[in-house]
Amino acid sequence: MKRIFCPKCDNQLTFDETKYPEGKVLAFVCPQCGSQFKTKLGRKIIKTDTGEEKEVKEPDFSCGYITVIENAFGFKQELPLVEGDNVIGRRNKDTEGIDAPIITSDPSMGRKHCVIRVKRQGDGSFMYTLRDFPSLTGTFLRNELVGKNEQIRIGEGAIVTLGATTFILHTADGEEF
């Protein structure tokens, strides 16, 4: 299933992209605001609000990624991490500065909830640390609350809960620390 967003109200729509050939133009009507828009399957270029074209890059999972576990609020998602600080939070049309936006309607997850820092070490491997942004509902690592000023080292398979949403860390090398 492919997810797209209405360019006017940011409502999420889903459809089965396997039923259509690559390059096919599909037209949609948003059930929330009635806006009509088109999308082209397999397209790598999008138009911004200002009318300019912008290339959409394929996600790079070379620094690791998180898998958001499917819950009552949404679908399974895989979001890549980059070197440095990765701000993780609830996706919102007006929120900027989020590196890993989780698509959810979970009101208990903040727009900027936690940070995973990915740091390359001298031997070329990566080290991952977790800290709360700070958020109102807290960040939990394996059901233990991460302190407000605490930074915890995490590794492959770390289970992190933000509000009612949980994700699993997958490191670049697949090894636990």
C-alpha atoms as a PDB file:
ATOM      1  CA  MET A   1       0.000   0.000   0.000  1.00  0.00           C
ATOM      2  CA  LYS A   2       1.282   3.438  -0.931  1.00  0.00           C
ATOM      3  CA  ARG A   3       0.514   6.509   1.165  1.00  0.00           C
ATOM      4  CA  ILE A   4       0.212  10.014  -0.217  1.00  0.00           C
ATOM      5  CA  PHE A   5      -0.803  13.275   1.408  1.00  0.00           C
ATOM      6  CA  CYS A   6      -3.293  15.872   0.227  1.00  0.00           C
ATOM      7  CA  PRO A   7      -1.286  18.985  -0.699  1.00  0.00           C
ATOM      8  CA  LYS A   8      -3.989  21.253   0.760  1.00  0.00           C
ATOM      9  CA  CYS A   9      -4.971  19.734   4.132  1.00  0.00           C
ATOM     10  CA  ASP A  10      -2.239  17.073   4.621  1.00  0.00           C
ATOM     11  CA  ASN A  11      -4.831  14.275   4.935  1.00  0.00           C
ATOM     12  CA  GLN A  12      -3.317  10.816   4.347  1.00  0.00           C
ATOM     13  CA  LEU A  13      -4.721   8.667   1.517  1.00  0.00           C
ATOM     14  CA  THR A  14      -3.702   5.086   0.713  1.00  0.00           C
ATOM     15  CA  PHE A  15      -3.947   2.998  -2.456  1.00  0.00           C
ATOM     16  CA  ASP A  16      -2.495  -0.221  -3.883  1.00  0.00           C
ATOM     17  CA  GLU A  17       0.251   0.947  -6.275  1.00  0.00           C
ATOM     18  CA  THR A  18       0.814  -2.603  -7.577  1.00  0.00           C
ATOM     19  CA  LYS A  19      -2.436  -2.364  -9.581  1.00  0.00           C
ATOM     20  CA  TYR A  20      -1.009   0.390 -11.810  1.00  0.00           C
ATOM     21  CA  PRO A  21       1.997   0.514 -14.177  1.00  0.00           C
ATOM     22  CA  GLU A  22       4.972   2.769 -13.413  1.00  0.00           C
ATOM     23  CA  GLY A  23       4.583   6.207 -14.967  1.00  0.00           C
ATOM     24  CA  LYS A  24       0.766   6.122 -14.706  1.00  0.00           C
ATOM     25  CA  VAL A  25      -0.851   9.393 -13.579  1.00  0.00           C
ATOM     26  CA  LEU A  26      -3.534   8.918 -10.915  1.00  0.00           C
ATOM     27  CA  ALA A  27      -6.111  11.552  -9.930  1.00  0.00           C
ATOM     28  CA  PHE A  28      -7.436  11.823  -6.361  1.00  0.00           C
ATOM     29  CA  VAL A  29     -10.136  13.765  -4.539  1.00  0.00           C
ATOM     30  CA  CYS A  30      -9.396  14.306  -0.853  1.00  0.00           C
ATOM     31  CA  PRO A  31     -12.357  13.059   1.228  1.00  0.00           C
ATOM     32  CA  GLN A  32     -11.534  15.577   3.957  1.00  0.00           C
ATOM     33  CA  CYS A  33     -11.281  18.896   2.051  1.00  0.00           C
ATOM     34  CA  GLY A  34     -12.479  17.981  -1.468  1.00  0.00           C
ATOM     35  CA  SER A  35      -9.215  19.105  -3.089  1.00  0.00           C
ATOM     36  CA  GLN A  36      -8.350  17.437  -6.403  1.00  0.00           C
ATOM     37  CA  PHE A  37      -4.746  16.493  -7.164  1.00  0.00           C
ATOM     38  CA  LYS A  38      -2.678  14.105  -9.275  1.00  0.00           C
ATOM     39  CA  THR A  39       0.367  11.953  -8.665  1.00  0.00           C
ATOM     40  CA  LYS A  40       2.581  10.016 -11.059  1.00  0.00           C
ATOM     41  CA  LEU A  41       3.782   6.563 -10.031  1.00  0.00           C
ATOM     42  CA  GLY A  42       7.552   6.118 -10.036  1.00  0.00           C
ATOM     43  CA  ARG A  43       8.109   9.867 -10.220  1.00  0.00           C
ATOM     44  CA  LYS A  44      11.299  11.215  -8.651  1.00  0.00           C
ATOM     45  CA  ILE A  45      10.512  14.941  -9.012  1.00  0.00           C
ATOM     46  CA  ILE A  46       7.843  16.911  -7.100  1.00  0.00           C
ATOM     47  CA  LYS A  47       6.585  20.493  -7.339  1.00  0.00           C
ATOM     48  CA  THR A  48       6.797  22.628  -4.196  1.00  0.00           C
ATOM     49  CA  ASP A  49       4.196  25.189  -3.065  1.00  0.00           C
ATOM     50  CA  THR A  50       6.239  27.882  -4.842  1.00  0.00           C
ATOM     51  CA  GLY A  51       5.998  25.982  -8.153  1.00  0.00           C
ATOM     52  CA  GLU A  52       9.636  24.907  -8.387  1.00  0.00           C
ATOM     53  CA  GLU A  53      10.564  21.274  -9.007  1.00  0.00           C
ATOM     54  CA  LYS A  54      12.447  19.311  -6.361  1.00  0.00           C
ATOM     55  CA  GLU A  55      14.057  15.892  -6.720  1.00  0.00           C
ATOM     56  CA  VAL A  56      12.942  13.276  -4.196  1.00  0.00           C
ATOM     57  CA  LYS A  57      15.880  11.164  -3.076  1.00  0.00           C
ATOM     58  CA  GLU A  58      15.702   7.487  -2.225  1.00  0.00           C
ATOM     59  CA  PRO A  59      16.096   6.829   1.526  1.00  0.00           C
ATOM     60  CA  ASP A  60      19.634   5.985   2.656  1.00  0.00           C
ATOM     61  CA  PHE A  61      19.719   3.276   5.344  1.00  0.00           C
ATOM     62  CA  SER A  62      23.542   3.160   5.590  1.00  0.00           C
ATOM     63  CA  CYS A  63      23.565   4.727   9.110  1.00  0.00           C
ATOM     64  CA  GLY A  64      20.769   2.500  10.395  1.00  0.00           C
ATOM     65  CA  TYR A  65      17.022   3.019  10.631  1.00  0.00           C
ATOM     66  CA  ILE A  66      14.025   2.709  12.909  1.00  0.00           C
ATOM     67  CA  THR A  67      10.981   0.523  12.304  1.00  0.00           C
ATOM     68  CA  VAL A  68       7.782   1.961  13.725  1.00  0.00           C
ATOM     69  CA  ILE A  69       5.651  -0.943  14.870  1.00  0.00           C
ATOM     70  CA  GLU A  70       2.156  -1.004  13.445  1.00  0.00           C
ATOM     71  CA  ASN A  71      -0.371   0.000  16.083  1.00  0.00           C
ATOM     72  CA  ALA A  72      -3.941   1.254  16.331  1.00  0.00           C
ATOM     73  CA  PHE A  73      -2.856   4.603  14.891  1.00  0.00           C
ATOM     74  CA  GLY A  74      -1.015   3.710  11.682  1.00  0.00           C
ATOM     75  CA  PHE A  75       1.024   1.463   9.417  1.00  0.00           C
ATOM     76  CA  LYS A  76       4.483  -0.046   9.777  1.00  0.00           C
ATOM     77  CA  GLN A  77       7.094   2.549   8.766  1.00  0.00           C
ATOM     78  CA  GLU A  78      10.851   2.385   8.214  1.00  0.00           C
ATOM     79  CA  LEU A  79      12.676   5.691   8.656  1.00  0.00           C
ATOM     80  CA  PRO A  80      16.396   6.117   7.890  1.00  0.00           C
ATOM     81  CA  LEU A  81      18.842   7.691  10.337  1.00  0.00           C
ATOM     82  CA  VAL A  82      21.725  10.011   9.430  1.00  0.00           C
ATOM     83  CA  GLU A  83      25.006  10.807  11.167  1.00  0.00           C
ATOM     84  CA  GLY A  84      24.504  13.332  13.943  1.00  0.00           C
ATOM     85  CA  ASP A  85      21.288  14.138  15.791  1.00  0.00           C
ATOM     86  CA  ASN A  86      18.054  12.586  14.483  1.00  0.00           C
ATOM     87  CA  VAL A  87      15.004  14.327  15.947  1.00  0.00           C
ATOM     88  CA  ILE A  88      12.091  11.883  16.074  1.00  0.00           C
ATOM     89  CA  GLY A  89       8.476  12.942  16.476  1.00  0.00           C
ATOM     90  CA  ARG A  90       4.952  13.058  15.156  1.00  0.00           C
ATOM     91  CA  ARG A  91       4.660  14.216  11.547  1.00  0.00           C
ATOM     92  CA  ASN A  92       2.791  17.468  11.146  1.00  0.00           C
ATOM     93  CA  LYS A  93       2.465  19.645   8.062  1.00  0.00           C
ATOM     94  CA  ASP A  94       3.619  22.765   9.926  1.00  0.00           C
ATOM     95  CA  THR A  95       6.446  21.180  11.939  1.00  0.00           C
ATOM     96  CA  GLU A  96       9.985  21.562  10.640  1.00  0.00           C
ATOM     97  CA  GLY A  97      13.212  20.235  12.067  1.00  0.00           C
ATOM     98  CA  ILE A  98      12.163  16.595  12.359  1.00  0.00           C
ATOM     99  CA  ASP A  99      14.591  14.105  10.813  1.00  0.00           C
ATOM    100  CA  ALA A 100      12.396  11.024  11.326  1.00  0.00           C
ATOM    101  CA  PRO A 101       8.730  12.088  11.136  1.00  0.00           C
ATOM    102  CA  ILE A 102       6.397   9.314  12.281  1.00  0.00           C
ATOM    103  CA  ILE A 103       3.014   9.323  10.568  1.00  0.00           C
ATOM    104  CA  THR A 104       0.522   8.849  13.379  1.00  0.00           C
ATOM    105  CA  SER A 105      -2.551  10.364  14.946  1.00  0.00           C
ATOM    106  CA  ASP A 106      -1.242   9.439  18.399  1.00  0.00           C
ATOM    107  CA  PRO A 107      -1.819  12.615  20.447  1.00  0.00           C
ATOM    108  CA  SER A 108       0.533  11.412  23.203  1.00  0.00           C
ATOM    109  CA  MET A 109       3.575  11.645  20.889  1.00  0.00           C
ATOM    110  CA  GLY A 110       5.192  15.045  20.664  1.00  0.00           C
ATOM    111  CA  ARG A 111       6.103  16.743  17.394  1.00  0.00           C
ATOM    112  CA  LYS A 112       9.696  16.679  18.634  1.00  0.00           C
ATOM    113  CA  HIS A 113       9.767  13.781  21.085  1.00  0.00           C
ATOM    114  CA  CYS A 114      13.260  12.279  21.299  1.00  0.00           C
ATOM    115  CA  VAL A 115      16.706  12.336  19.680  1.00  0.00           C
ATOM    116  CA  ILE A 116      18.897   9.475  18.477  1.00  0.00           C
ATOM    117  CA  ARG A 117      22.489  10.536  17.912  1.00  0.00           C
ATOM    118  CA  VAL A 118      24.464   8.479  15.403  1.00  0.00           C
ATOM    119  CA  LYS A 119      28.218   8.927  15.789  1.00  0.00           C
ATOM    120  CA  ARG A 120      30.893   7.278  13.667  1.00  0.00           C
ATOM    121  CA  GLN A 121      33.694   5.884  15.817  1.00  0.00           C
ATOM    122  CA  GLY A 122      37.396   5.607  14.950  1.00  0.00           C
ATOM    123  CA  ASP A 123      37.045   2.022  13.684  1.00  0.00           C
ATOM    124  CA  GLY A 124      34.270   3.046  11.254  1.00  0.00           C
ATOM    125  CA  SER A 125      31.417   1.543  13.272  1.00  0.00           C
ATOM    126  CA  PHE A 126      28.525   3.604  14.587  1.00  0.00           C
ATOM    127  CA  MET A 127      27.514   4.383  18.166  1.00  0.00           C
ATOM    128  CA  TYR A 128      23.853   5.198  18.912  1.00  0.00           C
ATOM    129  CA  THR A 129      22.564   7.197  21.902  1.00  0.00           C
ATOM    130  CA  LEU A 130      19.006   8.072  22.918  1.00  0.00           C
ATOM    131  CA  ARG A 131      17.695  11.077  24.848  1.00  0.00           C
ATOM    132  CA  ASP A 132      14.310  12.654  25.476  1.00  0.00           C
ATOM    133  CA  PHE A 133      13.756  15.948  23.590  1.00  0.00           C
ATOM    134  CA  PRO A 134      12.175  16.742  26.351  1.00  0.00           C
ATOM    135  CA  SER A 135       8.622  15.600  25.780  1.00  0.00           C
ATOM    136  CA  LEU A 136       5.496  15.811  27.921  1.00  0.00           C
ATOM    137  CA  THR A 137       4.862  12.045  28.062  1.00  0.00           C
ATOM    138  CA  GLY A 138       8.491  10.891  28.247  1.00  0.00           C
ATOM    139  CA  THR A 139      10.621   8.478  26.243  1.00  0.00           C
ATOM    140  CA  PHE A 140      10.835   4.843  27.345  1.00  0.00           C
ATOM    141  CA  LEU A 141      13.620   2.359  26.585  1.00  0.00           C
ATOM    142  CA  ARG A 142      12.393  -1.189  27.244  1.00  0.00           C
ATOM    143  CA  ASN A 143       9.627   0.206  29.495  1.00  0.00           C
ATOM    144  CA  GLU A 144      12.093   2.274  31.572  1.00  0.00           C
ATOM    145  CA  LEU A 145      11.702   6.045  31.524  1.00  0.00           C
ATOM    146  CA  VAL A 146      14.693   7.928  30.096  1.00  0.00           C
ATOM    147  CA  GLY A 147      15.549  10.794  32.440  1.00  0.00           C
ATOM    148  CA  LYS A 148      15.155  14.405  31.286  1.00  0.00           C
ATOM    149  CA  ASN A 149      18.922  15.038  31.118  1.00  0.00           C
ATOM    150  CA  GLU A 150      19.947  11.417  30.517  1.00  0.00           C
ATOM    151  CA  GLN A 151      21.638  10.115  27.364  1.00  0.00           C
ATOM    152  CA  ILE A 152      21.624   6.314  27.022  1.00  0.00           C
ATOM    153  CA  ARG A 153      23.686   4.194  24.650  1.00  0.00           C
ATOM    154  CA  ILE A 154      21.482   1.860  22.600  1.00  0.00           C
ATOM    155  CA  GLY A 155      22.107  -0.902  20.066  1.00  0.00           C
ATOM    156  CA  GLU A 156      20.461  -3.248  17.567  1.00  0.00           C
ATOM    157  CA  GLY A 157      16.927  -4.183  18.564  1.00  0.00           C
ATOM    158  CA  ALA A 158      16.473  -1.418  21.153  1.00  0.00           C
ATOM    159  CA  ILE A 159      12.748  -0.970  21.784  1.00  0.00           C
ATOM    160  CA  VAL A 160      11.725   2.657  22.311  1.00  0.00           C
ATOM    161  CA  THR A 161       8.220   3.861  23.176  1.00  0.00           C
ATOM    162  CA  LEU A 162       6.976   7.395  22.554  1.00  0.00           C
ATOM    163  CA  GLY A 163       3.444   7.874  23.875  1.00  0.00           C
ATOM    164  CA  ALA A 164       1.416   4.960  22.453  1.00  0.00           C
ATOM    165  CA  THR A 165       3.849   4.359  19.562  1.00  0.00           C
ATOM    166  CA  THR A 166       6.823   1.995  19.640  1.00  0.00           C
ATOM    167  CA  PHE A 167       9.817   1.690  17.330  1.00  0.00           C
ATOM    168  CA  ILE A 168      12.782  -0.667  17.047  1.00  0.00           C
ATOM    169  CA  LEU A 169      16.329   0.491  16.234  1.00  0.00           C
ATOM    170  CA  HIS A 170      18.206  -1.299  13.462  1.00  0.00           C
ATOM    171  CA  THR A 171      21.876  -0.399  13.431  1.00  0.00           C
ATOM    172  CA  ALA A 172      24.023  -0.193  10.308  1.00  0.00           C
ATOM    173  CA  ASP A 173      26.101  -3.232  11.266  1.00  0.00           C
ATOM    174  CA  GLY A 174      23.279  -5.142  12.992  1.00  0.00           C
ATOM    175  CA  GLU A 175      25.287  -5.627  16.181  1.00  0.00           C
ATOM    176  CA  GLU A 176      24.253  -4.912  19.732  1.00  0.00           C
ATOM    177  CA  PHE A 177      26.649  -2.749  21.721  1.00  0.00           C
END
